[in-house]
Amino acid sequence: MKHYEHFQVLIATTRRKQYYCSTKGDVYTIDRFSGKKFKLHPNIKDGKPRISIHDTKDPYLKHCVWYVATGHWPTIDENVVPLDGNELNCNITNLKIVDKREVAKVTGPMSQSQVVVVQEYKKEPIEYRSVRQAAKALYVSYQTLLDYLKGKYKNSVLKKYGRRIYLKERR
């Protein structure tokens, strides 16, 4: 882990205010006319804190902190992720930059897929690589099949004599 010296940097200026961000994850505004300093509390959108700066798209707090510490904004192919998984902890010592391809391997559509087995009466079982693929083959919606597998509905369109639908155990 790198050692960072904690400091703050001007990240935006409007006619009335100046916005400063520190490497500890704090954002301050200074009124240009009165000189008063105010601490901003980030807006939480989708579980991630954002900073409301006048006339800008609200940037993520972690991107501002990364900019203050390293001097460059993350590009479209980079993701700033917290080491402890807590999006609210935006201290620079808790942040690292990861390539989007690496993030996609962990959070992509096939990362959490489970094999679904469908066995008709007196036939060989058919394995589908995901719930979505099995739902497509059975002509039902993904959510209907998922609810059936979780046991939410006893009387379902999927329930037929001799048919078994279940998730294959992971190894």
C-alpha atoms as a PDB file:
ATOM      1  CA  MET A   1       0.000   0.000   0.000  1.00  0.00           C
ATOM      2  CA  LYS A   2       1.294   3.418  -0.924  1.00  0.00           C
ATOM      3  CA  HIS A   3       1.764   6.100   1.679  1.00  0.00           C
ATOM      4  CA  TYR A   4       0.025   9.341   0.810  1.00  0.00           C
ATOM      5  CA  GLU A   5       0.489  12.770   2.287  1.00  0.00           C
ATOM      6  CA  HIS A   6      -2.968  14.159   3.038  1.00  0.00           C
ATOM      7  CA  PHE A   7      -3.775  17.517   1.421  1.00  0.00           C
ATOM      8  CA  GLN A   8      -6.587  19.273  -0.440  1.00  0.00           C
ATOM      9  CA  VAL A   9      -6.793  20.634  -3.976  1.00  0.00           C
ATOM     10  CA  LEU A  10      -9.104  23.042  -5.786  1.00  0.00           C
ATOM     11  CA  ILE A  11     -11.295  20.946  -8.109  1.00  0.00           C
ATOM     12  CA  ALA A  12     -13.854  23.492  -9.365  1.00  0.00           C
ATOM     13  CA  THR A  13     -14.644  27.186  -9.304  1.00  0.00           C
ATOM     14  CA  THR A  14     -17.932  28.958  -9.868  1.00  0.00           C
ATOM     15  CA  ARG A  15     -18.763  32.642  -9.736  1.00  0.00           C
ATOM     16  CA  ARG A  16     -19.636  32.385  -6.067  1.00  0.00           C
ATOM     17  CA  LYS A  17     -17.774  29.327  -4.674  1.00  0.00           C
ATOM     18  CA  GLN A  18     -14.561  27.364  -4.842  1.00  0.00           C
ATOM     19  CA  TYR A  19     -14.699  23.589  -4.310  1.00  0.00           C
ATOM     20  CA  TYR A  20     -11.822  21.769  -2.602  1.00  0.00           C
ATOM     21  CA  CYS A  21     -11.396  18.033  -2.168  1.00  0.00           C
ATOM     22  CA  SER A  22      -8.996  16.365   0.258  1.00  0.00           C
ATOM     23  CA  THR A  23      -7.322  12.980   0.036  1.00  0.00           C
ATOM     24  CA  LYS A  24      -9.210  11.992   3.195  1.00  0.00           C
ATOM     25  CA  GLY A  25     -12.478  12.115   1.251  1.00  0.00           C
ATOM     26  CA  ASP A  26     -13.755  15.471   2.515  1.00  0.00           C
ATOM     27  CA  VAL A  27     -15.131  18.175   0.220  1.00  0.00           C
ATOM     28  CA  TYR A  28     -15.233  21.839   1.213  1.00  0.00           C
ATOM     29  CA  THR A  29     -16.579  24.984  -0.390  1.00  0.00           C
ATOM     30  CA  ILE A  30     -15.251  28.440   0.284  1.00  0.00           C
ATOM     31  CA  ASP A  31     -17.511  31.390  -0.415  1.00  0.00           C
ATOM     32  CA  ARG A  32     -15.441  33.774  -2.557  1.00  0.00           C
ATOM     33  CA  PHE A  33     -17.088  36.901  -1.134  1.00  0.00           C
ATOM     34  CA  SER A  34     -17.387  36.140   2.577  1.00  0.00           C
ATOM     35  CA  GLY A  35     -14.463  33.709   2.850  1.00  0.00           C
ATOM     36  CA  LYS A  36     -16.542  31.228   4.915  1.00  0.00           C
ATOM     37  CA  LYS A  37     -15.637  27.570   4.637  1.00  0.00           C
ATOM     38  CA  PHE A  38     -18.375  24.888   4.525  1.00  0.00           C
ATOM     39  CA  LYS A  39     -18.032  21.118   4.536  1.00  0.00           C
ATOM     40  CA  LEU A  40     -20.176  19.432   1.874  1.00  0.00           C
ATOM     41  CA  HIS A  41     -21.959  16.190   2.589  1.00  0.00           C
ATOM     42  CA  PRO A  42     -21.999  13.977  -0.512  1.00  0.00           C
ATOM     43  CA  ASN A  43     -25.269  12.832  -2.063  1.00  0.00           C
ATOM     44  CA  ILE A  44     -25.706   9.082  -1.959  1.00  0.00           C
ATOM     45  CA  LYS A  45     -26.943   7.817  -5.335  1.00  0.00           C
ATOM     46  CA  ASP A  46     -27.004   4.075  -6.004  1.00  0.00           C
ATOM     47  CA  GLY A  47     -25.020   3.514  -2.816  1.00  0.00           C
ATOM     48  CA  LYS A  48     -22.130   5.664  -4.066  1.00  0.00           C
ATOM     49  CA  PRO A  49     -21.407   9.186  -2.833  1.00  0.00           C
ATOM     50  CA  ARG A  50     -21.440  12.006  -5.398  1.00  0.00           C
ATOM     51  CA  ILE A  51     -20.467  15.651  -5.091  1.00  0.00           C
ATOM     52  CA  SER A  52     -22.923  18.330  -6.212  1.00  0.00           C
ATOM     53  CA  ILE A  53     -20.940  21.002  -8.042  1.00  0.00           C
ATOM     54  CA  HIS A  54     -22.852  23.794  -9.780  1.00  0.00           C
ATOM     55  CA  ASP A  55     -23.122  23.394 -13.593  1.00  0.00           C
ATOM     56  CA  THR A  56     -21.399  19.996 -13.751  1.00  0.00           C
ATOM     57  CA  LYS A  57     -22.402  16.370 -13.827  1.00  0.00           C
ATOM     58  CA  ASP A  58     -22.084  15.249 -10.235  1.00  0.00           C
ATOM     59  CA  PRO A  59     -18.773  13.345 -10.079  1.00  0.00           C
ATOM     60  CA  TYR A  60     -18.260  10.418  -7.733  1.00  0.00           C
ATOM     61  CA  LEU A  61     -16.410  11.360  -4.564  1.00  0.00           C
ATOM     62  CA  LYS A  62     -13.873   8.561  -5.111  1.00  0.00           C
ATOM     63  CA  HIS A  63     -12.999  10.001  -8.553  1.00  0.00           C
ATOM     64  CA  CYS A  64     -12.406  13.441  -7.020  1.00  0.00           C
ATOM     65  CA  VAL A  65     -10.178  11.963  -4.315  1.00  0.00           C
ATOM     66  CA  TRP A  66      -8.245   9.976  -6.940  1.00  0.00           C
ATOM     67  CA  TYR A  67      -7.770  13.165  -8.979  1.00  0.00           C
ATOM     68  CA  VAL A  68      -6.478  15.048  -5.944  1.00  0.00           C
ATOM     69  CA  ALA A  69      -3.964  12.328  -5.088  1.00  0.00           C
ATOM     70  CA  THR A  70      -2.700  11.390  -8.551  1.00  0.00           C
ATOM     71  CA  GLY A  71      -3.432  14.409 -10.739  1.00  0.00           C
ATOM     72  CA  HIS A  72      -5.536  12.665 -13.385  1.00  0.00           C
ATOM     73  CA  TRP A  73      -9.207  11.738 -13.701  1.00  0.00           C
ATOM     74  CA  PRO A  74      -9.896   8.043 -14.301  1.00  0.00           C
ATOM     75  CA  THR A  75     -10.377   7.312 -17.997  1.00  0.00           C
ATOM     76  CA  ILE A  76     -13.339   5.423 -19.417  1.00  0.00           C
ATOM     77  CA  ASP A  77     -11.357   2.154 -19.221  1.00  0.00           C
ATOM     78  CA  GLU A  78     -10.459   2.597 -15.540  1.00  0.00           C
ATOM     79  CA  ASN A  79     -12.493   2.030 -12.412  1.00  0.00           C
ATOM     80  CA  VAL A  80     -11.684   3.421  -8.971  1.00  0.00           C
ATOM     81  CA  VAL A  81     -12.672   0.777  -6.421  1.00  0.00           C
ATOM     82  CA  PRO A  82     -12.463   0.744  -2.624  1.00  0.00           C
ATOM     83  CA  LEU A  83     -10.173  -1.920  -1.176  1.00  0.00           C
ATOM     84  CA  ASP A  84     -12.522  -2.751   1.714  1.00  0.00           C
ATOM     85  CA  GLY A  85     -15.650  -2.747  -0.491  1.00  0.00           C
ATOM     86  CA  ASN A  86     -17.208   0.197   1.387  1.00  0.00           C
ATOM     87  CA  GLU A  87     -18.135   2.861  -1.178  1.00  0.00           C
ATOM     88  CA  LEU A  88     -18.548   5.452   1.589  1.00  0.00           C
ATOM     89  CA  ASN A  89     -14.904   5.135   2.714  1.00  0.00           C
ATOM     90  CA  CYS A  90     -13.233   7.379   0.115  1.00  0.00           C
ATOM     91  CA  ASN A  91      -9.882   7.872   1.823  1.00  0.00           C
ATOM     92  CA  ILE A  92      -7.062   7.628  -0.739  1.00  0.00           C
ATOM     93  CA  THR A  93      -5.410   4.802   1.210  1.00  0.00           C
ATOM     94  CA  ASN A  94      -8.575   2.748   0.625  1.00  0.00           C
ATOM     95  CA  LEU A  95      -8.775   3.316  -3.149  1.00  0.00           C
ATOM     96  CA  LYS A  96      -7.132   1.578  -6.085  1.00  0.00           C
ATOM     97  CA  ILE A  97      -7.589   1.789  -9.834  1.00  0.00           C
ATOM     98  CA  VAL A  98      -8.611  -1.300 -11.783  1.00  0.00           C
ATOM     99  CA  ASP A  99      -9.005  -1.923 -15.493  1.00  0.00           C
ATOM    100  CA  LYS A 100     -12.680  -2.348 -16.519  1.00  0.00           C
ATOM    101  CA  ARG A 101     -11.912  -5.743 -18.072  1.00  0.00           C
ATOM    102  CA  GLU A 102     -10.787  -7.027 -14.664  1.00  0.00           C
ATOM    103  CA  VAL A 103     -13.993  -5.747 -13.058  1.00  0.00           C
ATOM    104  CA  ALA A 104     -16.078  -7.405 -15.786  1.00  0.00           C
ATOM    105  CA  LYS A 105     -14.554 -10.799 -14.979  1.00  0.00           C
ATOM    106  CA  VAL A 106     -15.847 -10.508 -11.425  1.00  0.00           C
ATOM    107  CA  THR A 107     -19.210  -8.828 -12.017  1.00  0.00           C
ATOM    108  CA  GLY A 108     -20.078  -9.886 -15.565  1.00  0.00           C
ATOM    109  CA  PRO A 109     -23.285 -11.676 -16.532  1.00  0.00           C
ATOM    110  CA  MET A 110     -21.757 -15.163 -16.377  1.00  0.00           C
ATOM    111  CA  SER A 111     -19.825 -14.674 -13.117  1.00  0.00           C
ATOM    112  CA  GLN A 112     -22.664 -15.794 -10.834  1.00  0.00           C
ATOM    113  CA  SER A 113     -24.484 -18.098 -13.268  1.00  0.00           C
ATOM    114  CA  GLN A 114     -25.559 -21.488 -12.055  1.00  0.00           C
ATOM    115  CA  VAL A 115     -26.256 -24.512 -14.189  1.00  0.00           C
ATOM    116  CA  VAL A 116     -29.971 -25.350 -14.434  1.00  0.00           C
ATOM    117  CA  VAL A 117     -30.980 -28.963 -15.045  1.00  0.00           C
ATOM    118  CA  VAL A 118     -34.322 -29.807 -16.676  1.00  0.00           C
ATOM    119  CA  GLN A 119     -35.364 -33.451 -16.703  1.00  0.00           C
ATOM    120  CA  GLU A 120     -38.548 -34.520 -18.442  1.00  0.00           C
ATOM    121  CA  TYR A 121     -40.299 -37.773 -17.577  1.00  0.00           C
ATOM    122  CA  LYS A 122     -38.224 -40.793 -18.742  1.00  0.00           C
ATOM    123  CA  LYS A 123     -35.763 -38.612 -20.676  1.00  0.00           C
ATOM    124  CA  GLU A 124     -32.135 -37.629 -20.224  1.00  0.00           C
ATOM    125  CA  PRO A 125     -31.587 -34.427 -18.201  1.00  0.00           C
ATOM    126  CA  ILE A 126     -30.634 -31.316 -20.161  1.00  0.00           C
ATOM    127  CA  GLU A 127     -28.178 -28.860 -18.605  1.00  0.00           C
ATOM    128  CA  TYR A 128     -28.387 -25.149 -19.363  1.00  0.00           C
ATOM    129  CA  ARG A 129     -25.472 -22.887 -18.474  1.00  0.00           C
ATOM    130  CA  SER A 130     -27.680 -20.200 -16.868  1.00  0.00           C
ATOM    131  CA  VAL A 131     -31.193 -19.485 -15.648  1.00  0.00           C
ATOM    132  CA  ARG A 132     -31.716 -17.142 -18.595  1.00  0.00           C
ATOM    133  CA  GLN A 133     -30.833 -19.825 -21.127  1.00  0.00           C
ATOM    134  CA  ALA A 134     -33.116 -22.375 -19.429  1.00  0.00           C
ATOM    135  CA  ALA A 135     -35.977 -19.874 -19.266  1.00  0.00           C
ATOM    136  CA  LYS A 136     -35.616 -19.211 -22.988  1.00  0.00           C
ATOM    137  CA  ALA A 137     -35.729 -22.955 -23.764  1.00  0.00           C
ATOM    138  CA  LEU A 138     -38.816 -23.419 -21.539  1.00  0.00           C
ATOM    139  CA  TYR A 139     -40.605 -20.379 -23.053  1.00  0.00           C
ATOM    140  CA  VAL A 140     -41.047 -18.602 -19.721  1.00  0.00           C
ATOM    141  CA  SER A 141     -39.611 -15.402 -18.334  1.00  0.00           C
ATOM    142  CA  TYR A 142     -36.344 -15.393 -16.439  1.00  0.00           C
ATOM    143  CA  GLN A 143     -38.085 -14.135 -13.289  1.00  0.00           C
ATOM    144  CA  THR A 144     -40.740 -16.888 -13.425  1.00  0.00           C
ATOM    145  CA  LEU A 145     -38.080 -19.597 -13.576  1.00  0.00           C
ATOM    146  CA  LEU A 146     -36.014 -17.929 -10.873  1.00  0.00           C
ATOM    147  CA  ASP A 147     -39.028 -17.707  -8.550  1.00  0.00           C
ATOM    148  CA  TYR A 148     -39.855 -21.363  -9.254  1.00  0.00           C
ATOM    149  CA  LEU A 149     -36.301 -22.454  -8.415  1.00  0.00           C
ATOM    150  CA  LYS A 150     -36.379 -20.456  -5.175  1.00  0.00           C
ATOM    151  CA  GLY A 151     -39.634 -22.186  -4.218  1.00  0.00           C
ATOM    152  CA  LYS A 152     -41.750 -19.042  -4.111  1.00  0.00           C
ATOM    153  CA  TYR A 153     -44.598 -20.548  -6.140  1.00  0.00           C
ATOM    154  CA  LYS A 154     -45.989 -24.060  -5.735  1.00  0.00           C
ATOM    155  CA  ASN A 155     -48.548 -23.850  -8.567  1.00  0.00           C
ATOM    156  CA  SER A 156     -46.548 -22.746 -11.554  1.00  0.00           C
ATOM    157  CA  VAL A 157     -46.770 -23.150 -15.320  1.00  0.00           C
ATOM    158  CA  LEU A 158     -43.468 -25.004 -15.016  1.00  0.00           C
ATOM    159  CA  LYS A 159     -44.925 -27.747 -12.842  1.00  0.00           C
ATOM    160  CA  LYS A 160     -45.763 -30.755 -15.030  1.00  0.00           C
ATOM    161  CA  TYR A 161     -46.048 -34.448 -14.287  1.00  0.00           C
ATOM    162  CA  GLY A 162     -42.603 -36.056 -14.252  1.00  0.00           C
ATOM    163  CA  ARG A 163     -40.634 -32.857 -14.891  1.00  0.00           C
ATOM    164  CA  ARG A 164     -37.852 -31.870 -12.523  1.00  0.00           C
ATOM    165  CA  ILE A 165     -36.124 -28.478 -12.689  1.00  0.00           C
ATOM    166  CA  TYR A 166     -33.292 -27.772 -10.290  1.00  0.00           C
ATOM    167  CA  LEU A 167     -29.965 -25.977  -9.880  1.00  0.00           C
ATOM    168  CA  LYS A 168     -26.845 -28.078 -10.243  1.00  0.00           C
ATOM    169  CA  GLU A 169     -24.540 -27.885  -7.238  1.00  0.00           C
ATOM    170  CA  ARG A 170     -21.326 -25.879  -7.643  1.00  0.00           C
ATOM    171  CA  ARG A 171     -18.005 -27.545  -7.000  1.00  0.00           C
END
